[in-house]
Amino acid sequence: MKVTNLITWFEAWADPNWCEKWDNCGWQVEPGVLNLEARVLVCLTPTLAVMQEAIALHANIIFAHHPLIFNPPKSFRNGDTLTEIIRLAFSHNIGIYTAHTNFDQASDGTADVLAQILQLQEVSPLVATQNGLGYGRVGNLINTMTLKELLKNIQTQLNPPKLIFSPSANLQEQISRVAVLGGSGAGYISAVVKSKAQAYLTADCKFHQFQESRDNGLILIDAGHYATERPACDRLVQKFQKLNLDWVQLSKADEDFRQFFI
């Protein structure tokens, strides 16, 4: 399958028109790869390390969730990381394509994958956008479990370097309804409260947002940005493997590089 056909297939599934106005979805760099047989490296973030990995693997497209370019750059200067990534993209003929807020909303996108990992039932969007899709998911656990059991399940399934949860939460509380949203989801706390979810799995939550959740009787669980979105990248690789691609792989250089001193 050629790169152009792969992108056409993907955009029929996760329409780039769903992209938010502040976002930047679609081609970030297209150096002339559209008619090449697709050799795809999938990643969460298109970093310099991922570009170097793509060069070593002879990939011709980096398919990323996070945009390489969020805001219009004011300059391209030697020594800047963005400049170096773009220089390498053109010199090695490697395209960079991003699916961000459109992939967040899509069926089997970042939110759906999290809901499936927790085996949520009777799932619906946390914030509906169009055609039954939207941001986040909320649903019921197959079997009610204690908060401690839910946290252990999240730790096992997502393997975050650190799992943060509401400090006043009762670990023996019975949990039956859970909301999820991969990445920075603290801005949706009010929608979660309205959904009647008892616990909310997301990332990038601040001190005051834990307070807000506590005051609303909601258990906030922060598993980190990488851990809550990386599984959707893995699912994307599985989908691509079912197509007639020359080659596809999940990046190994795209990692949660943070360390926590315990």
C-alpha atoms as a PDB file:
ATOM      1  CA  MET A   1       0.000   0.000   0.000  1.00  0.00           C
ATOM      2  CA  LYS A   2       1.321   3.411  -0.939  1.00  0.00           C
ATOM      3  CA  VAL A   3       1.576   6.194   1.623  1.00  0.00           C
ATOM      4  CA  THR A   4      -1.167   8.203  -0.084  1.00  0.00           C
ATOM      5  CA  ASN A   5      -3.578   5.244   0.120  1.00  0.00           C
ATOM      6  CA  LEU A   6      -2.729   4.672   3.772  1.00  0.00           C
ATOM      7  CA  ILE A   7      -3.524   8.291   4.618  1.00  0.00           C
ATOM      8  CA  THR A   8      -6.784   8.126   2.652  1.00  0.00           C
ATOM      9  CA  TRP A   9      -7.776   4.990   4.570  1.00  0.00           C
ATOM     10  CA  PHE A  10      -6.897   6.555   7.910  1.00  0.00           C
ATOM     11  CA  GLU A  11      -8.695   9.847   7.263  1.00  0.00           C
ATOM     12  CA  ALA A  12     -11.879   7.988   6.341  1.00  0.00           C
ATOM     13  CA  TRP A  13     -11.751   6.547   9.858  1.00  0.00           C
ATOM     14  CA  ALA A  14     -10.446   9.536  11.874  1.00  0.00           C
ATOM     15  CA  ASP A  15     -11.509  12.568   9.876  1.00  0.00           C
ATOM     16  CA  PRO A  16      -8.943  15.426  10.143  1.00  0.00           C
ATOM     17  CA  ASN A  17     -11.884  17.847   9.951  1.00  0.00           C
ATOM     18  CA  TRP A  18     -12.603  16.809  13.554  1.00  0.00           C
ATOM     19  CA  CYS A  19      -9.342  18.471  14.567  1.00  0.00           C
ATOM     20  CA  GLU A  20      -9.802  21.325  17.042  1.00  0.00           C
ATOM     21  CA  LYS A  21      -8.978  24.855  15.852  1.00  0.00           C
ATOM     22  CA  TRP A  22      -6.056  25.113  18.293  1.00  0.00           C
ATOM     23  CA  ASP A  23      -4.660  21.770  17.142  1.00  0.00           C
ATOM     24  CA  ASN A  24      -2.500  20.763  14.169  1.00  0.00           C
ATOM     25  CA  CYS A  25      -3.467  17.455  12.570  1.00  0.00           C
ATOM     26  CA  GLY A  26      -2.373  15.945   9.263  1.00  0.00           C
ATOM     27  CA  TRP A  27       0.909  16.355   7.429  1.00  0.00           C
ATOM     28  CA  GLN A  28       3.616  18.079   9.434  1.00  0.00           C
ATOM     29  CA  VAL A  29       6.347  17.312   6.899  1.00  0.00           C
ATOM     30  CA  GLU A  30       5.733  15.779   3.465  1.00  0.00           C
ATOM     31  CA  PRO A  31       9.032  15.603   1.556  1.00  0.00           C
ATOM     32  CA  GLY A  32       7.634  13.666  -1.415  1.00  0.00           C
ATOM     33  CA  VAL A  33       6.724  10.232  -0.036  1.00  0.00           C
ATOM     34  CA  LEU A  34       3.086   9.931  -1.150  1.00  0.00           C
ATOM     35  CA  ASN A  35       3.732   7.427  -3.939  1.00  0.00           C
ATOM     36  CA  LEU A  36       6.177   5.259  -1.988  1.00  0.00           C
ATOM     37  CA  GLU A  37       5.243   1.893  -0.513  1.00  0.00           C
ATOM     38  CA  ALA A  38       4.445   2.691   3.121  1.00  0.00           C
ATOM     39  CA  ARG A  39       7.079   1.833   5.715  1.00  0.00           C
ATOM     40  CA  VAL A  40       5.531   3.210   8.898  1.00  0.00           C
ATOM     41  CA  LEU A  41       6.969   3.937  12.324  1.00  0.00           C
ATOM     42  CA  VAL A  42       4.150   4.711  14.788  1.00  0.00           C
ATOM     43  CA  CYS A  43       4.891   6.823  17.858  1.00  0.00           C
ATOM     44  CA  LEU A  44       3.251   8.992  20.485  1.00  0.00           C
ATOM     45  CA  THR A  45       5.569  11.983  19.995  1.00  0.00           C
ATOM     46  CA  PRO A  46       7.811  12.702  16.962  1.00  0.00           C
ATOM     47  CA  THR A  47      11.046  13.458  18.806  1.00  0.00           C
ATOM     48  CA  LEU A  48      14.586  13.619  17.466  1.00  0.00           C
ATOM     49  CA  ALA A  49      15.196  10.142  18.907  1.00  0.00           C
ATOM     50  CA  VAL A  50      12.213   8.795  16.945  1.00  0.00           C
ATOM     51  CA  MET A  51      13.498  10.433  13.752  1.00  0.00           C
ATOM     52  CA  GLN A  52      16.908   8.808  14.252  1.00  0.00           C
ATOM     53  CA  GLU A  53      15.138   5.483  14.820  1.00  0.00           C
ATOM     54  CA  ALA A  54      13.131   5.941  11.611  1.00  0.00           C
ATOM     55  CA  ILE A  55      16.335   6.589   9.669  1.00  0.00           C
ATOM     56  CA  ALA A  56      17.963   3.443  11.053  1.00  0.00           C
ATOM     57  CA  LEU A  57      14.882   1.347  10.187  1.00  0.00           C
ATOM     58  CA  HIS A  58      14.496   2.855   6.709  1.00  0.00           C
ATOM     59  CA  ALA A  59      10.963   4.029   7.447  1.00  0.00           C
ATOM     60  CA  ASN A  60       9.454   6.600   5.103  1.00  0.00           C
ATOM     61  CA  ILE A  61       6.681   7.909   7.365  1.00  0.00           C
ATOM     62  CA  ILE A  62       6.479   8.657  11.071  1.00  0.00           C
ATOM     63  CA  PHE A  63       2.844   8.388  12.125  1.00  0.00           C
ATOM     64  CA  ALA A  64       2.480  10.294  15.409  1.00  0.00           C
ATOM     65  CA  HIS A  65      -0.283  11.171  17.835  1.00  0.00           C
ATOM     66  CA  HIS A  66       1.260  14.416  19.096  1.00  0.00           C
ATOM     67  CA  PRO A  67       1.931  17.147  16.522  1.00  0.00           C
ATOM     68  CA  LEU A  68       5.507  18.063  15.687  1.00  0.00           C
ATOM     69  CA  ILE A  69       4.371  21.678  15.215  1.00  0.00           C
ATOM     70  CA  PHE A  70       1.691  23.213  17.461  1.00  0.00           C
ATOM     71  CA  ASN A  71       2.329  26.893  16.856  1.00  0.00           C
ATOM     72  CA  PRO A  72       3.795  28.543  13.740  1.00  0.00           C
ATOM     73  CA  PRO A  73       7.587  28.663  14.229  1.00  0.00           C
ATOM     74  CA  LYS A  74       9.169  32.118  14.032  1.00  0.00           C
ATOM     75  CA  SER A  75      12.456  30.802  12.684  1.00  0.00           C
ATOM     76  CA  PHE A  76      14.430  27.692  11.744  1.00  0.00           C
ATOM     77  CA  ARG A  77      17.953  27.928  13.128  1.00  0.00           C
ATOM     78  CA  ASN A  78      20.864  25.562  13.206  1.00  0.00           C
ATOM     79  CA  GLY A  79      20.986  23.731  16.543  1.00  0.00           C
ATOM     80  CA  ASP A  80      17.244  23.904  17.185  1.00  0.00           C
ATOM     81  CA  THR A  81      15.633  20.486  17.671  1.00  0.00           C
ATOM     82  CA  LEU A  82      12.648  21.257  15.420  1.00  0.00           C
ATOM     83  CA  THR A  83      14.986  22.447  12.663  1.00  0.00           C
ATOM     84  CA  GLU A  84      17.072  19.287  12.957  1.00  0.00           C
ATOM     85  CA  ILE A  85      14.025  16.995  12.801  1.00  0.00           C
ATOM     86  CA  ILE A  86      12.740  18.749   9.692  1.00  0.00           C
ATOM     87  CA  ARG A  87      16.201  18.744   8.081  1.00  0.00           C
ATOM     88  CA  LEU A  88      16.510  14.990   8.651  1.00  0.00           C
ATOM     89  CA  ALA A  89      12.977  14.428   7.358  1.00  0.00           C
ATOM     90  CA  PHE A  90      13.826  16.047   4.035  1.00  0.00           C
ATOM     91  CA  SER A  91      17.345  14.679   3.720  1.00  0.00           C
ATOM     92  CA  HIS A  92      16.181  11.093   4.402  1.00  0.00           C
ATOM     93  CA  ASN A  93      12.793  11.428   2.686  1.00  0.00           C
ATOM     94  CA  ILE A  94      10.714  10.632   5.794  1.00  0.00           C
ATOM     95  CA  GLY A  95       7.239  12.140   6.137  1.00  0.00           C
ATOM     96  CA  ILE A  96       5.738  13.103   9.494  1.00  0.00           C
ATOM     97  CA  TYR A  97       1.959  12.799   9.850  1.00  0.00           C
ATOM     98  CA  THR A  98      -0.058  13.566  12.984  1.00  0.00           C
ATOM     99  CA  ALA A  99      -3.476  12.410  14.185  1.00  0.00           C
ATOM    100  CA  HIS A 100      -4.279  14.193  17.430  1.00  0.00           C
ATOM    101  CA  THR A 101      -7.735  15.436  18.478  1.00  0.00           C
ATOM    102  CA  ASN A 102      -9.338  13.600  15.559  1.00  0.00           C
ATOM    103  CA  PHE A 103      -7.794  10.339  16.820  1.00  0.00           C
ATOM    104  CA  ASP A 104      -8.905  11.148  20.382  1.00  0.00           C
ATOM    105  CA  GLN A 105     -12.536  11.194  19.252  1.00  0.00           C
ATOM    106  CA  ALA A 106     -12.492   8.267  16.833  1.00  0.00           C
ATOM    107  CA  SER A 107     -13.823   4.794  17.413  1.00  0.00           C
ATOM    108  CA  ASP A 108     -10.858   2.696  18.630  1.00  0.00           C
ATOM    109  CA  GLY A 109      -8.954   5.928  19.293  1.00  0.00           C
ATOM    110  CA  THR A 110      -7.214   6.940  22.517  1.00  0.00           C
ATOM    111  CA  ALA A 111     -10.358   7.014  24.681  1.00  0.00           C
ATOM    112  CA  ASP A 112     -11.923   3.819  23.348  1.00  0.00           C
ATOM    113  CA  VAL A 113      -8.716   1.853  23.843  1.00  0.00           C
ATOM    114  CA  LEU A 114      -8.535   2.877  27.512  1.00  0.00           C
ATOM    115  CA  ALA A 115     -12.184   1.896  28.006  1.00  0.00           C
ATOM    116  CA  GLN A 116     -11.506  -1.479  26.393  1.00  0.00           C
ATOM    117  CA  ILE A 117      -8.427  -2.089  28.546  1.00  0.00           C
ATOM    118  CA  LEU A 118     -10.598  -1.639  31.653  1.00  0.00           C
ATOM    119  CA  GLN A 119     -13.347  -3.727  29.988  1.00  0.00           C
ATOM    120  CA  LEU A 120     -15.959  -1.031  30.477  1.00  0.00           C
ATOM    121  CA  GLN A 121     -19.486  -1.893  29.372  1.00  0.00           C
ATOM    122  CA  GLU A 122     -22.347   0.292  28.092  1.00  0.00           C
ATOM    123  CA  VAL A 123     -19.760   2.861  27.040  1.00  0.00           C
ATOM    124  CA  SER A 124     -20.594   6.351  25.796  1.00  0.00           C
ATOM    125  CA  PRO A 125     -18.536   9.505  25.071  1.00  0.00           C
ATOM    126  CA  LEU A 126     -17.794  11.670  28.057  1.00  0.00           C
ATOM    127  CA  VAL A 127     -18.193  14.773  25.889  1.00  0.00           C
ATOM    128  CA  ALA A 128     -20.074  14.050  22.659  1.00  0.00           C
ATOM    129  CA  THR A 129     -18.972  15.758  19.449  1.00  0.00           C
ATOM    130  CA  GLN A 130     -20.529  14.098  16.407  1.00  0.00           C
ATOM    131  CA  ASN A 131     -22.028  10.812  15.219  1.00  0.00           C
ATOM    132  CA  GLY A 132     -21.865   9.165  18.626  1.00  0.00           C
ATOM    133  CA  LEU A 133     -18.170   9.976  19.005  1.00  0.00           C
ATOM    134  CA  GLY A 134     -16.413  12.423  21.292  1.00  0.00           C
ATOM    135  CA  TYR A 135     -13.770  12.972  23.946  1.00  0.00           C
ATOM    136  CA  GLY A 136     -13.305  10.450  26.738  1.00  0.00           C
ATOM    137  CA  ARG A 137     -15.492   7.484  27.563  1.00  0.00           C
ATOM    138  CA  VAL A 138     -17.614   6.529  30.552  1.00  0.00           C
ATOM    139  CA  GLY A 139     -19.011   3.094  31.324  1.00  0.00           C
ATOM    140  CA  ASN A 140     -19.603   0.365  33.863  1.00  0.00           C
ATOM    141  CA  LEU A 141     -17.145  -2.271  35.037  1.00  0.00           C
ATOM    142  CA  ILE A 142     -18.100  -5.880  34.265  1.00  0.00           C
ATOM    143  CA  ASN A 143     -17.901  -6.603  37.987  1.00  0.00           C
ATOM    144  CA  THR A 144     -17.870  -4.132  40.832  1.00  0.00           C
ATOM    145  CA  MET A 145     -14.435  -3.946  42.467  1.00  0.00           C
ATOM    146  CA  THR A 146     -12.794  -2.062  45.283  1.00  0.00           C
ATOM    147  CA  LEU A 147     -10.777   1.036  44.487  1.00  0.00           C
ATOM    148  CA  LYS A 148      -7.652  -0.876  45.515  1.00  0.00           C
ATOM    149  CA  GLU A 149      -8.451  -3.587  42.954  1.00  0.00           C
ATOM    150  CA  LEU A 150      -9.125  -0.957  40.269  1.00  0.00           C
ATOM    151  CA  LEU A 151      -5.799   0.765  40.972  1.00  0.00           C
ATOM    152  CA  LYS A 152      -3.951  -2.557  40.823  1.00  0.00           C
ATOM    153  CA  ASN A 153      -5.624  -3.333  37.495  1.00  0.00           C
ATOM    154  CA  ILE A 154      -4.632   0.050  36.069  1.00  0.00           C
ATOM    155  CA  GLN A 155      -1.064  -0.440  37.305  1.00  0.00           C
ATOM    156  CA  THR A 156      -0.906  -3.881  35.707  1.00  0.00           C
ATOM    157  CA  GLN A 157      -2.470  -2.864  32.390  1.00  0.00           C
ATOM    158  CA  LEU A 158      -0.769   0.506  31.821  1.00  0.00           C
ATOM    159  CA  ASN A 159       2.443   0.121  33.863  1.00  0.00           C
ATOM    160  CA  PRO A 160       2.827   3.832  34.655  1.00  0.00           C
ATOM    161  CA  PRO A 161       6.023   4.895  36.470  1.00  0.00           C
ATOM    162  CA  LYS A 162       3.812   6.509  39.099  1.00  0.00           C
ATOM    163  CA  LEU A 163       0.080   6.262  39.818  1.00  0.00           C
ATOM    164  CA  ILE A 164      -1.457   9.213  41.680  1.00  0.00           C
ATOM    165  CA  PHE A 165      -4.964   9.144  43.126  1.00  0.00           C
ATOM    166  CA  SER A 166      -7.187  11.152  45.451  1.00  0.00           C
ATOM    167  CA  PRO A 167      -5.498  11.080  48.885  1.00  0.00           C
ATOM    168  CA  SER A 168      -8.744  10.934  50.868  1.00  0.00           C
ATOM    169  CA  ALA A 169     -10.139   8.028  48.845  1.00  0.00           C
ATOM    170  CA  ASN A 170     -11.217   4.869  50.662  1.00  0.00           C
ATOM    171  CA  LEU A 171      -9.360   1.939  49.098  1.00  0.00           C
ATOM    172  CA  GLN A 172     -12.224  -0.386  50.028  1.00  0.00           C
ATOM    173  CA  GLU A 173     -14.862   1.744  48.296  1.00  0.00           C
ATOM    174  CA  GLN A 174     -16.850  -0.296  45.781  1.00  0.00           C
ATOM    175  CA  ILE A 175     -16.400   1.060  42.236  1.00  0.00           C
ATOM    176  CA  SER A 176     -18.794   0.216  39.422  1.00  0.00           C
ATOM    177  CA  ARG A 177     -18.731   3.229  37.069  1.00  0.00           C
ATOM    178  CA  VAL A 178     -15.519   4.691  35.606  1.00  0.00           C
ATOM    179  CA  ALA A 179     -14.622   7.491  33.189  1.00  0.00           C
ATOM    180  CA  VAL A 180     -11.415   7.561  31.122  1.00  0.00           C
ATOM    181  CA  LEU A 181      -9.632  10.088  28.924  1.00  0.00           C
ATOM    182  CA  GLY A 182      -6.093   9.624  27.622  1.00  0.00           C
ATOM    183  CA  GLY A 183      -3.679  12.509  28.012  1.00  0.00           C
ATOM    184  CA  SER A 184      -4.479  15.837  29.666  1.00  0.00           C
ATOM    185  CA  GLY A 185      -8.063  15.347  30.809  1.00  0.00           C
ATOM    186  CA  ALA A 186      -8.344  17.448  33.956  1.00  0.00           C
ATOM    187  CA  GLY A 187     -10.395  20.056  32.103  1.00  0.00           C
ATOM    188  CA  TYR A 188     -13.260  17.562  31.814  1.00  0.00           C
ATOM    189  CA  ILE A 189     -13.805  16.994  35.543  1.00  0.00           C
ATOM    190  CA  SER A 190     -17.202  18.732  35.517  1.00  0.00           C
ATOM    191  CA  ALA A 191     -18.374  16.459  32.673  1.00  0.00           C
ATOM    192  CA  VAL A 192     -17.190  13.415  34.618  1.00  0.00           C
ATOM    193  CA  VAL A 193     -19.157  14.497  37.677  1.00  0.00           C
ATOM    194  CA  LYS A 194     -22.297  14.839  35.524  1.00  0.00           C
ATOM    195  CA  SER A 195     -21.713  11.344  34.116  1.00  0.00           C
ATOM    196  CA  LYS A 196     -22.070   9.840  37.627  1.00  0.00           C
ATOM    197  CA  ALA A 197     -18.708   8.108  37.339  1.00  0.00           C
ATOM    198  CA  GLN A 198     -17.111   7.295  40.691  1.00  0.00           C
ATOM    199  CA  ALA A 199     -13.531   7.291  39.394  1.00  0.00           C
ATOM    200  CA  TYR A 200     -11.802   9.108  36.546  1.00  0.00           C
ATOM    201  CA  LEU A 201      -8.621   7.822  34.882  1.00  0.00           C
ATOM    202  CA  THR A 202      -6.653  10.498  33.008  1.00  0.00           C
ATOM    203  CA  ALA A 203      -3.333  12.389  33.205  1.00  0.00           C
ATOM    204  CA  ASP A 204      -1.557  15.692  33.874  1.00  0.00           C
ATOM    205  CA  CYS A 205      -3.732  16.654  36.858  1.00  0.00           C
ATOM    206  CA  LYS A 206      -2.675  19.517  39.117  1.00  0.00           C
ATOM    207  CA  PHE A 207      -3.006  20.049  42.849  1.00  0.00           C
ATOM    208  CA  HIS A 208      -6.178  22.118  42.662  1.00  0.00           C
ATOM    209  CA  GLN A 209      -7.822  19.658  40.275  1.00  0.00           C
ATOM    210  CA  PHE A 210      -7.417  16.916  42.854  1.00  0.00           C
ATOM    211  CA  GLN A 211      -9.097  19.254  45.321  1.00  0.00           C
ATOM    212  CA  GLU A 212     -11.910  19.960  42.842  1.00  0.00           C
ATOM    213  CA  SER A 213     -12.481  16.246  42.342  1.00  0.00           C
ATOM    214  CA  ARG A 214     -12.472  15.526  46.058  1.00  0.00           C
ATOM    215  CA  ASP A 215     -15.022  18.284  46.685  1.00  0.00           C
ATOM    216  CA  ASN A 216     -17.261  16.742  44.019  1.00  0.00           C
ATOM    217  CA  GLY A 217     -17.000  13.227  45.431  1.00  0.00           C
ATOM    218  CA  LEU A 218     -14.943  12.021  42.458  1.00  0.00           C
ATOM    219  CA  ILE A 219     -11.861   9.795  42.718  1.00  0.00           C
ATOM    220  CA  LEU A 220      -9.243  11.249  40.380  1.00  0.00           C
ATOM    221  CA  ILE A 221      -6.588   8.834  39.073  1.00  0.00           C
ATOM    222  CA  ASP A 222      -3.557  10.202  37.216  1.00  0.00           C
ATOM    223  CA  ALA A 223      -1.551   7.519  35.393  1.00  0.00           C
ATOM    224  CA  GLY A 224       0.518   9.936  33.310  1.00  0.00           C
ATOM    225  CA  HIS A 225       0.271  11.195  29.743  1.00  0.00           C
ATOM    226  CA  TYR A 226       2.424   8.486  28.171  1.00  0.00           C
ATOM    227  CA  ALA A 227       0.790   5.520  29.910  1.00  0.00           C
ATOM    228  CA  THR A 228      -2.763   6.624  29.024  1.00  0.00           C
ATOM    229  CA  GLU A 229      -2.066   7.295  25.317  1.00  0.00           C
ATOM    230  CA  ARG A 230       0.659   4.854  24.295  1.00  0.00           C
ATOM    231  CA  PRO A 231      -1.790   1.875  24.194  1.00  0.00           C
ATOM    232  CA  ALA A 232      -3.721   3.584  21.390  1.00  0.00           C
ATOM    233  CA  CYS A 233      -0.502   3.799  19.370  1.00  0.00           C
ATOM    234  CA  ASP A 234      -0.059   0.059  19.815  1.00  0.00           C
ATOM    235  CA  ARG A 235      -3.660  -0.484  18.654  1.00  0.00           C
ATOM    236  CA  LEU A 236      -2.945   1.657  15.590  1.00  0.00           C
ATOM    237  CA  VAL A 237      -0.010  -0.600  14.700  1.00  0.00           C
ATOM    238  CA  GLN A 238      -2.329  -3.610  14.944  1.00  0.00           C
ATOM    239  CA  LYS A 239      -4.766  -1.944  12.554  1.00  0.00           C
ATOM    240  CA  PHE A 240      -2.009  -1.055  10.112  1.00  0.00           C
ATOM    241  CA  GLN A 241      -0.708  -4.634  10.207  1.00  0.00           C
ATOM    242  CA  LYS A 242      -4.005  -5.784   8.728  1.00  0.00           C
ATOM    243  CA  LEU A 243      -3.425  -3.582   5.687  1.00  0.00           C
ATOM    244  CA  ASN A 244      -1.120  -4.379   2.809  1.00  0.00           C
ATOM    245  CA  LEU A 245       1.812  -2.334   4.112  1.00  0.00           C
ATOM    246  CA  ASP A 246       5.423  -2.940   3.233  1.00  0.00           C
ATOM    247  CA  TRP A 247       6.410  -2.554   6.905  1.00  0.00           C
ATOM    248  CA  VAL A 248       5.051  -1.109  10.176  1.00  0.00           C
ATOM    249  CA  GLN A 249       6.403  -1.001  13.723  1.00  0.00           C
ATOM    250  CA  LEU A 250       5.732   0.710  17.052  1.00  0.00           C
ATOM    251  CA  SER A 251       8.603   3.005  18.012  1.00  0.00           C
ATOM    252  CA  LYS A 252      10.974   1.787  20.697  1.00  0.00           C
ATOM    253  CA  ALA A 253      12.685   5.173  21.046  1.00  0.00           C
ATOM    254  CA  ASP A 254       9.393   6.851  21.948  1.00  0.00           C
ATOM    255  CA  GLU A 255       9.442   6.352  25.713  1.00  0.00           C
ATOM    256  CA  ASP A 256       8.391   7.865  29.003  1.00  0.00           C
ATOM    257  CA  PHE A 257      11.841   9.145  29.908  1.00  0.00           C
ATOM    258  CA  ARG A 258      10.882  10.561  33.315  1.00  0.00           C
ATOM    259  CA  GLN A 259      12.271   9.094  36.507  1.00  0.00           C
ATOM    260  CA  PHE A 260      10.773   9.310  39.968  1.00  0.00           C
ATOM    261  CA  PHE A 261      12.915   9.287  43.094  1.00  0.00           C
ATOM    262  CA  ILE A 262      11.215   7.115  45.706  1.00  0.00           C
END
